[in-house]
Amino acid sequence: MSPTPDAEAPEPTAAERICSLLSATSSVVVRALGEHHDLDTPVSVHGSRLRLSAPLDSGLTLAATGETEGLAVVLDVTDIAPVAVRDRIRGRLTLAGRLRLAHLADDGLSVHLHLDVAHAVLATPYGTSALTGADLALAAPDPLARYEAGLLTHLIDDHPDALAALTRLLDPQLLAERPEIRPLALDRHGLVLRLDHPHGHRDVRLVFPEPARDTEEFGEQMHRLLTAAQTGLPARRA
């Protein structure tokens, strides 16, 4: 049987995508007072408030010192696919808000900063979404966001046979030109495959039978997709 196309297939909301990207990133660019500050820092997401770190002697820390009302900043994050594909940039996130010093970090060499987000814009190849801090406050990161890079690279490096089997769930017409197929993204709702042709590419989402709440359930849902591929059972795609 053929997979079942479904334009309404479940996927993360824009606010969830933003929270997921922030929780998984390890570097950001902060624009303040006409300068760009590159920070290698994890981001902790607490609703519309973000926590990040900066060196104690950085220009950003100095600029934020004494700003009782917070330093007006713009934060940029680039979402890059963890596996090698054409057009690896999956999205660009821009946040605007007020940055404040929180406290000195335990290492004594850096400080924790709080960013209260007022506005956010997420631009992807599929469109642009503008949200407020209140929108972000109602969302949460996807439970697989921090593990996505490792899971995708594990799939392509250690289980190419499984990736090949999943192609049986695709519309045969999409495979007519023998595209190179690589995993592009995943979340609790499903797996996105990139079909790369000489003249371009197309992304297809394979929907899990049930949302995965953690990495163990992700493994279970992948097994169910593979079973569907091997037995000819229908599967949802978008």
C-alpha atoms as a PDB file:
ATOM      1  CA  MET A   1       0.000   0.000   0.000  1.00  0.00           C
ATOM      2  CA  SER A   2       1.127   3.554  -0.636  1.00  0.00           C
ATOM      3  CA  PRO A   3       1.925   6.021   2.137  1.00  0.00           C
ATOM      4  CA  THR A   4      -0.938   8.309   3.048  1.00  0.00           C
ATOM      5  CA  PRO A   5      -0.312  11.985   2.158  1.00  0.00           C
ATOM      6  CA  ASP A   6      -1.647  14.365   4.800  1.00  0.00           C
ATOM      7  CA  ALA A   7      -1.228  18.119   4.464  1.00  0.00           C
ATOM      8  CA  GLU A   8      -2.291  18.466   8.091  1.00  0.00           C
ATOM      9  CA  ALA A   9       0.386  16.118   9.381  1.00  0.00           C
ATOM     10  CA  PRO A  10       1.473  17.194  12.874  1.00  0.00           C
ATOM     11  CA  GLU A  11       4.654  19.216  13.225  1.00  0.00           C
ATOM     12  CA  PRO A  12       6.067  21.700  15.738  1.00  0.00           C
ATOM     13  CA  THR A  13       4.650  25.211  15.886  1.00  0.00           C
ATOM     14  CA  ALA A  14       6.867  28.194  15.092  1.00  0.00           C
ATOM     15  CA  ALA A  15       7.170  28.975  18.808  1.00  0.00           C
ATOM     16  CA  GLU A  16       8.195  25.371  19.551  1.00  0.00           C
ATOM     17  CA  ARG A  17      10.759  25.477  16.734  1.00  0.00           C
ATOM     18  CA  ILE A  18      12.263  28.635  18.214  1.00  0.00           C
ATOM     19  CA  CYS A  19      12.470  27.151  21.712  1.00  0.00           C
ATOM     20  CA  SER A  20      13.992  23.961  20.298  1.00  0.00           C
ATOM     21  CA  LEU A  21      16.590  25.837  18.275  1.00  0.00           C
ATOM     22  CA  LEU A  22      17.587  27.921  21.268  1.00  0.00           C
ATOM     23  CA  SER A  23      17.848  24.946  23.602  1.00  0.00           C
ATOM     24  CA  ALA A  24      20.056  23.037  21.148  1.00  0.00           C
ATOM     25  CA  THR A  25      22.376  25.821  20.000  1.00  0.00           C
ATOM     26  CA  SER A  26      25.909  26.321  21.292  1.00  0.00           C
ATOM     27  CA  SER A  27      26.660  29.700  19.713  1.00  0.00           C
ATOM     28  CA  VAL A  28      24.831  32.976  19.192  1.00  0.00           C
ATOM     29  CA  VAL A  29      25.559  36.441  17.889  1.00  0.00           C
ATOM     30  CA  VAL A  30      24.444  39.383  19.998  1.00  0.00           C
ATOM     31  CA  ARG A  31      24.117  42.807  18.401  1.00  0.00           C
ATOM     32  CA  ALA A  32      24.278  45.743  20.796  1.00  0.00           C
ATOM     33  CA  LEU A  33      25.283  49.402  20.462  1.00  0.00           C
ATOM     34  CA  GLY A  34      26.350  48.898  16.858  1.00  0.00           C
ATOM     35  CA  GLU A  35      28.696  45.980  17.612  1.00  0.00           C
ATOM     36  CA  HIS A  36      28.485  42.226  17.040  1.00  0.00           C
ATOM     37  CA  HIS A  37      29.454  39.853  19.847  1.00  0.00           C
ATOM     38  CA  ASP A  38      30.023  36.168  19.000  1.00  0.00           C
ATOM     39  CA  LEU A  39      29.339  33.985  22.028  1.00  0.00           C
ATOM     40  CA  ASP A  40      30.023  30.288  22.416  1.00  0.00           C
ATOM     41  CA  THR A  41      27.362  29.562  24.975  1.00  0.00           C
ATOM     42  CA  PRO A  42      24.467  27.198  25.591  1.00  0.00           C
ATOM     43  CA  VAL A  43      21.087  28.880  25.951  1.00  0.00           C
ATOM     44  CA  SER A  44      18.684  27.955  28.710  1.00  0.00           C
ATOM     45  CA  VAL A  45      15.044  28.637  27.792  1.00  0.00           C
ATOM     46  CA  HIS A  46      12.597  29.700  30.493  1.00  0.00           C
ATOM     47  CA  GLY A  47       9.502  30.845  28.663  1.00  0.00           C
ATOM     48  CA  SER A  48      10.315  34.221  27.114  1.00  0.00           C
ATOM     49  CA  ARG A  49      13.422  34.613  29.285  1.00  0.00           C
ATOM     50  CA  LEU A  50      16.713  33.187  28.070  1.00  0.00           C
ATOM     51  CA  ARG A  51      19.861  32.607  30.073  1.00  0.00           C
ATOM     52  CA  LEU A  52      23.266  32.663  28.411  1.00  0.00           C
ATOM     53  CA  SER A  53      26.864  33.296  29.420  1.00  0.00           C
ATOM     54  CA  ALA A  54      29.559  35.723  28.349  1.00  0.00           C
ATOM     55  CA  PRO A  55      33.192  36.242  29.382  1.00  0.00           C
ATOM     56  CA  LEU A  56      33.571  38.564  32.343  1.00  0.00           C
ATOM     57  CA  ASP A  57      35.803  40.920  30.362  1.00  0.00           C
ATOM     58  CA  SER A  58      33.779  40.873  27.122  1.00  0.00           C
ATOM     59  CA  GLY A  59      32.498  44.022  25.515  1.00  0.00           C
ATOM     60  CA  LEU A  60      28.937  42.753  25.893  1.00  0.00           C
ATOM     61  CA  THR A  61      29.335  42.298  29.643  1.00  0.00           C
ATOM     62  CA  LEU A  62      30.795  45.781  29.965  1.00  0.00           C
ATOM     63  CA  ALA A  63      27.971  47.257  27.878  1.00  0.00           C
ATOM     64  CA  ALA A  64      25.325  45.559  30.023  1.00  0.00           C
ATOM     65  CA  THR A  65      26.915  46.710  33.298  1.00  0.00           C
ATOM     66  CA  GLY A  66      24.947  49.510  34.846  1.00  0.00           C
ATOM     67  CA  GLU A  67      21.956  49.149  32.498  1.00  0.00           C
ATOM     68  CA  THR A  68      19.282  48.832  35.159  1.00  0.00           C
ATOM     69  CA  GLU A  69      16.511  48.796  32.559  1.00  0.00           C
ATOM     70  CA  GLY A  70      18.387  46.281  30.468  1.00  0.00           C
ATOM     71  CA  LEU A  71      20.537  46.679  27.366  1.00  0.00           C
ATOM     72  CA  ALA A  72      18.592  46.687  24.088  1.00  0.00           C
ATOM     73  CA  VAL A  73      19.992  43.839  21.976  1.00  0.00           C
ATOM     74  CA  VAL A  74      19.246  41.670  18.972  1.00  0.00           C
ATOM     75  CA  LEU A  75      20.234  38.011  19.131  1.00  0.00           C
ATOM     76  CA  ASP A  76      20.866  35.951  15.979  1.00  0.00           C
ATOM     77  CA  VAL A  77      20.914  32.158  15.779  1.00  0.00           C
ATOM     78  CA  THR A  78      21.421  30.088  12.630  1.00  0.00           C
ATOM     79  CA  ASP A  79      19.876  26.638  12.365  1.00  0.00           C
ATOM     80  CA  ILE A  80      22.300  24.430  10.415  1.00  0.00           C
ATOM     81  CA  ALA A  81      21.523  20.835   9.498  1.00  0.00           C
ATOM     82  CA  PRO A  82      23.828  18.464  11.418  1.00  0.00           C
ATOM     83  CA  VAL A  83      24.401  16.274   8.338  1.00  0.00           C
ATOM     84  CA  ALA A  84      25.951  17.342   5.041  1.00  0.00           C
ATOM     85  CA  VAL A  85      23.225  18.373   2.592  1.00  0.00           C
ATOM     86  CA  ARG A  86      22.847  21.044  -0.036  1.00  0.00           C
ATOM     87  CA  ASP A  87      21.588  24.291   1.529  1.00  0.00           C
ATOM     88  CA  ARG A  88      22.373  23.274   5.107  1.00  0.00           C
ATOM     89  CA  ILE A  89      20.766  26.351   6.646  1.00  0.00           C
ATOM     90  CA  ARG A  90      17.357  25.247   7.873  1.00  0.00           C
ATOM     91  CA  GLY A  91      16.419  28.590   9.375  1.00  0.00           C
ATOM     92  CA  ARG A  92      17.524  31.928  10.773  1.00  0.00           C
ATOM     93  CA  LEU A  93      16.224  33.218  14.077  1.00  0.00           C
ATOM     94  CA  THR A  94      16.287  36.851  15.204  1.00  0.00           C
ATOM     95  CA  LEU A  95      15.246  37.865  18.704  1.00  0.00           C
ATOM     96  CA  ALA A  96      14.915  41.387  20.136  1.00  0.00           C
ATOM     97  CA  GLY A  97      14.773  42.196  23.809  1.00  0.00           C
ATOM     98  CA  ARG A  98      16.507  43.502  26.907  1.00  0.00           C
ATOM     99  CA  LEU A  99      19.686  41.952  28.291  1.00  0.00           C
ATOM    100  CA  ARG A 100      20.576  42.123  31.966  1.00  0.00           C
ATOM    101  CA  LEU A 101      23.426  40.851  34.094  1.00  0.00           C
ATOM    102  CA  ALA A 102      22.294  38.019  36.362  1.00  0.00           C
ATOM    103  CA  HIS A 103      25.281  36.881  38.434  1.00  0.00           C
ATOM    104  CA  LEU A 104      28.881  35.780  38.278  1.00  0.00           C
ATOM    105  CA  ALA A 105      29.387  32.211  37.085  1.00  0.00           C
ATOM    106  CA  ASP A 106      31.006  29.632  39.337  1.00  0.00           C
ATOM    107  CA  ASP A 107      34.215  29.695  37.285  1.00  0.00           C
ATOM    108  CA  GLY A 108      34.739  33.356  38.161  1.00  0.00           C
ATOM    109  CA  LEU A 109      35.633  34.061  34.526  1.00  0.00           C
ATOM    110  CA  SER A 110      32.188  34.546  33.030  1.00  0.00           C
ATOM    111  CA  VAL A 111      28.789  35.955  33.882  1.00  0.00           C
ATOM    112  CA  HIS A 112      25.259  34.729  33.383  1.00  0.00           C
ATOM    113  CA  LEU A 113      22.989  37.022  31.420  1.00  0.00           C
ATOM    114  CA  HIS A 114      19.208  37.139  31.165  1.00  0.00           C
ATOM    115  CA  LEU A 115      17.499  38.144  27.941  1.00  0.00           C
ATOM    116  CA  ASP A 116      13.819  39.021  28.146  1.00  0.00           C
ATOM    117  CA  VAL A 117      12.502  38.484  24.628  1.00  0.00           C
ATOM    118  CA  ALA A 118      10.030  41.008  23.241  1.00  0.00           C
ATOM    119  CA  HIS A 119       9.861  39.898  19.617  1.00  0.00           C
ATOM    120  CA  ALA A 120      11.103  36.960  17.538  1.00  0.00           C
ATOM    121  CA  VAL A 121      11.271  36.257  13.806  1.00  0.00           C
ATOM    122  CA  LEU A 122      12.002  32.793  12.408  1.00  0.00           C
ATOM    123  CA  ALA A 123      12.754  32.583   8.681  1.00  0.00           C
ATOM    124  CA  THR A 124      12.868  29.166   7.004  1.00  0.00           C
ATOM    125  CA  PRO A 125      12.724  28.027   3.363  1.00  0.00           C
ATOM    126  CA  TYR A 126       8.995  27.499   3.901  1.00  0.00           C
ATOM    127  CA  GLY A 127       8.110  30.944   5.218  1.00  0.00           C
ATOM    128  CA  THR A 128       8.642  33.528   7.945  1.00  0.00           C
ATOM    129  CA  SER A 129       6.940  33.649  11.341  1.00  0.00           C
ATOM    130  CA  ALA A 130       6.832  36.668  13.654  1.00  0.00           C
ATOM    131  CA  LEU A 131       6.051  36.064  17.326  1.00  0.00           C
ATOM    132  CA  THR A 132       5.997  37.934  20.608  1.00  0.00           C
ATOM    133  CA  GLY A 133       7.606  37.054  23.894  1.00  0.00           C
ATOM    134  CA  ALA A 134       4.168  36.067  25.128  1.00  0.00           C
ATOM    135  CA  ASP A 135       3.949  33.489  22.326  1.00  0.00           C
ATOM    136  CA  LEU A 136       7.264  31.973  23.382  1.00  0.00           C
ATOM    137  CA  ALA A 137       6.192  31.892  27.015  1.00  0.00           C
ATOM    138  CA  LEU A 138       3.463  29.400  26.076  1.00  0.00           C
ATOM    139  CA  ALA A 139       5.803  27.060  24.181  1.00  0.00           C
ATOM    140  CA  ALA A 140       8.469  24.556  25.185  1.00  0.00           C
ATOM    141  CA  PRO A 141      11.423  22.934  23.395  1.00  0.00           C
ATOM    142  CA  ASP A 142      10.808  19.669  21.612  1.00  0.00           C
ATOM    143  CA  PRO A 143      11.923  16.778  23.862  1.00  0.00           C
ATOM    144  CA  LEU A 144      14.284  15.523  21.126  1.00  0.00           C
ATOM    145  CA  ALA A 145      15.827  18.907  20.283  1.00  0.00           C
ATOM    146  CA  ARG A 146      19.060  18.437  22.239  1.00  0.00           C
ATOM    147  CA  TYR A 147      19.555  14.947  20.829  1.00  0.00           C
ATOM    148  CA  GLU A 148      18.619  15.655  17.217  1.00  0.00           C
ATOM    149  CA  ALA A 149      22.153  16.127  15.860  1.00  0.00           C
ATOM    150  CA  GLY A 150      23.420  12.912  17.450  1.00  0.00           C
ATOM    151  CA  LEU A 151      20.395  10.884  16.365  1.00  0.00           C
ATOM    152  CA  LEU A 152      20.584  12.080  12.759  1.00  0.00           C
ATOM    153  CA  THR A 153      24.325  11.479  12.413  1.00  0.00           C
ATOM    154  CA  HIS A 154      23.914   8.051  14.052  1.00  0.00           C
ATOM    155  CA  LEU A 155      21.196   7.196  11.547  1.00  0.00           C
ATOM    156  CA  ILE A 156      23.242   8.127   8.501  1.00  0.00           C
ATOM    157  CA  ASP A 157      26.591   6.793   9.751  1.00  0.00           C
ATOM    158  CA  ASP A 158      25.515   3.551  11.406  1.00  0.00           C
ATOM    159  CA  HIS A 159      22.162   2.627   9.847  1.00  0.00           C
ATOM    160  CA  PRO A 160      22.241   3.400   6.105  1.00  0.00           C
ATOM    161  CA  ASP A 161      20.183   0.245   5.573  1.00  0.00           C
ATOM    162  CA  ALA A 162      17.380   1.690   7.711  1.00  0.00           C
ATOM    163  CA  LEU A 163      17.517   4.946   5.786  1.00  0.00           C
ATOM    164  CA  ALA A 164      17.270   3.024   2.510  1.00  0.00           C
ATOM    165  CA  ALA A 165      14.283   1.059   3.847  1.00  0.00           C
ATOM    166  CA  LEU A 166      12.439   4.263   4.740  1.00  0.00           C
ATOM    167  CA  THR A 167      12.458   5.281   1.078  1.00  0.00           C
ATOM    168  CA  ARG A 168       9.783   2.603   0.521  1.00  0.00           C
ATOM    169  CA  LEU A 169       7.387   4.940   2.332  1.00  0.00           C
ATOM    170  CA  LEU A 170       7.920   7.698  -0.244  1.00  0.00           C
ATOM    171  CA  ASP A 171       5.892   8.355  -3.360  1.00  0.00           C
ATOM    172  CA  PRO A 172       7.700   6.385  -6.106  1.00  0.00           C
ATOM    173  CA  GLN A 173       7.489   9.437  -8.365  1.00  0.00           C
ATOM    174  CA  LEU A 174       9.822  11.267  -5.971  1.00  0.00           C
ATOM    175  CA  LEU A 175      12.442   8.565  -6.534  1.00  0.00           C
ATOM    176  CA  ALA A 176      12.269   8.569 -10.341  1.00  0.00           C
ATOM    177  CA  GLU A 177      15.485  10.570 -10.717  1.00  0.00           C
ATOM    178  CA  ARG A 178      17.335   8.546  -8.081  1.00  0.00           C
ATOM    179  CA  PRO A 179      17.855  11.413  -5.622  1.00  0.00           C
ATOM    180  CA  GLU A 180      20.405  11.252  -2.835  1.00  0.00           C
ATOM    181  CA  ILE A 181      18.402  10.837   0.365  1.00  0.00           C
ATOM    182  CA  ARG A 182      19.658  12.058   3.719  1.00  0.00           C
ATOM    183  CA  PRO A 183      17.975  12.787   7.059  1.00  0.00           C
ATOM    184  CA  LEU A 184      17.472  16.532   7.470  1.00  0.00           C
ATOM    185  CA  ALA A 185      15.584  16.986  10.736  1.00  0.00           C
ATOM    186  CA  LEU A 186      13.570  15.233  13.392  1.00  0.00           C
ATOM    187  CA  ASP A 187      11.241  16.070  16.242  1.00  0.00           C
ATOM    188  CA  ARG A 188       8.729  14.252  18.392  1.00  0.00           C
ATOM    189  CA  HIS A 189       6.260  14.115  15.482  1.00  0.00           C
ATOM    190  CA  GLY A 190       8.473  12.591  12.813  1.00  0.00           C
ATOM    191  CA  LEU A 191      11.521  12.515  10.576  1.00  0.00           C
ATOM    192  CA  VAL A 192      12.244  14.844   7.638  1.00  0.00           C
ATOM    193  CA  LEU A 193      14.177  13.445   4.664  1.00  0.00           C
ATOM    194  CA  ARG A 194      15.998  15.599   2.115  1.00  0.00           C
ATOM    195  CA  LEU A 195      15.697  14.333  -1.476  1.00  0.00           C
ATOM    196  CA  ASP A 196      18.566  15.933  -3.372  1.00  0.00           C
ATOM    197  CA  HIS A 197      18.333  16.051  -7.183  1.00  0.00           C
ATOM    198  CA  PRO A 198      20.900  17.547  -9.566  1.00  0.00           C
ATOM    199  CA  HIS A 199      18.473  20.413 -10.232  1.00  0.00           C
ATOM    200  CA  GLY A 200      17.272  21.010  -6.684  1.00  0.00           C
ATOM    201  CA  HIS A 201      15.855  19.287  -3.652  1.00  0.00           C
ATOM    202  CA  ARG A 202      12.637  18.420  -1.865  1.00  0.00           C
ATOM    203  CA  ASP A 203      11.944  17.711   1.793  1.00  0.00           C
ATOM    204  CA  VAL A 204       9.449  15.048   2.887  1.00  0.00           C
ATOM    205  CA  ARG A 205       8.183  14.474   6.432  1.00  0.00           C
ATOM    206  CA  LEU A 206       7.465  10.937   7.612  1.00  0.00           C
ATOM    207  CA  VAL A 207       5.083  11.081  10.542  1.00  0.00           C
ATOM    208  CA  PHE A 208       5.521   8.803  13.541  1.00  0.00           C
ATOM    209  CA  PRO A 209       2.492   6.683  14.486  1.00  0.00           C
ATOM    210  CA  GLU A 210       2.628   8.360  17.918  1.00  0.00           C
ATOM    211  CA  PRO A 211       4.640  11.369  19.169  1.00  0.00           C
ATOM    212  CA  ALA A 212       7.927  10.453  20.867  1.00  0.00           C
ATOM    213  CA  ARG A 213       8.414  11.890  24.344  1.00  0.00           C
ATOM    214  CA  ASP A 214      12.081  10.899  24.679  1.00  0.00           C
ATOM    215  CA  THR A 215      14.903   9.132  22.846  1.00  0.00           C
ATOM    216  CA  GLU A 216      13.650   5.697  23.880  1.00  0.00           C
ATOM    217  CA  GLU A 217      10.248   6.371  22.371  1.00  0.00           C
ATOM    218  CA  PHE A 218      11.974   7.820  19.299  1.00  0.00           C
ATOM    219  CA  GLY A 219      13.603   4.425  18.789  1.00  0.00           C
ATOM    220  CA  GLU A 220      10.228   2.728  19.141  1.00  0.00           C
ATOM    221  CA  GLN A 221       8.580   5.039  16.592  1.00  0.00           C
ATOM    222  CA  MET A 222      11.431   4.565  14.135  1.00  0.00           C
ATOM    223  CA  HIS A 223      10.996   0.811  14.493  1.00  0.00           C
ATOM    224  CA  ARG A 224       7.289   1.190  13.694  1.00  0.00           C
ATOM    225  CA  LEU A 225       8.109   3.246  10.586  1.00  0.00           C
ATOM    226  CA  LEU A 226      10.595   0.623   9.439  1.00  0.00           C
ATOM    227  CA  THR A 227       8.044  -2.127  10.019  1.00  0.00           C
ATOM    228  CA  ALA A 228       5.570  -0.213   7.878  1.00  0.00           C
ATOM    229  CA  ALA A 229       8.205   0.155   5.156  1.00  0.00           C
ATOM    230  CA  GLN A 230       9.121  -3.537   5.192  1.00  0.00           C
ATOM    231  CA  THR A 231       5.553  -4.852   5.276  1.00  0.00           C
ATOM    232  CA  GLY A 232       3.901  -2.341   2.953  1.00  0.00           C
ATOM    233  CA  LEU A 233       1.689  -0.836   5.634  1.00  0.00           C
ATOM    234  CA  PRO A 234       0.495   2.762   5.071  1.00  0.00           C
ATOM    235  CA  ALA A 235       2.363   5.611   6.712  1.00  0.00           C
ATOM    236  CA  ARG A 236       1.646   9.309   6.863  1.00  0.00           C
ATOM    237  CA  ARG A 237       3.869  11.790   5.053  1.00  0.00           C
ATOM    238  CA  ALA A 238       3.708  15.471   4.227  1.00  0.00           C
END
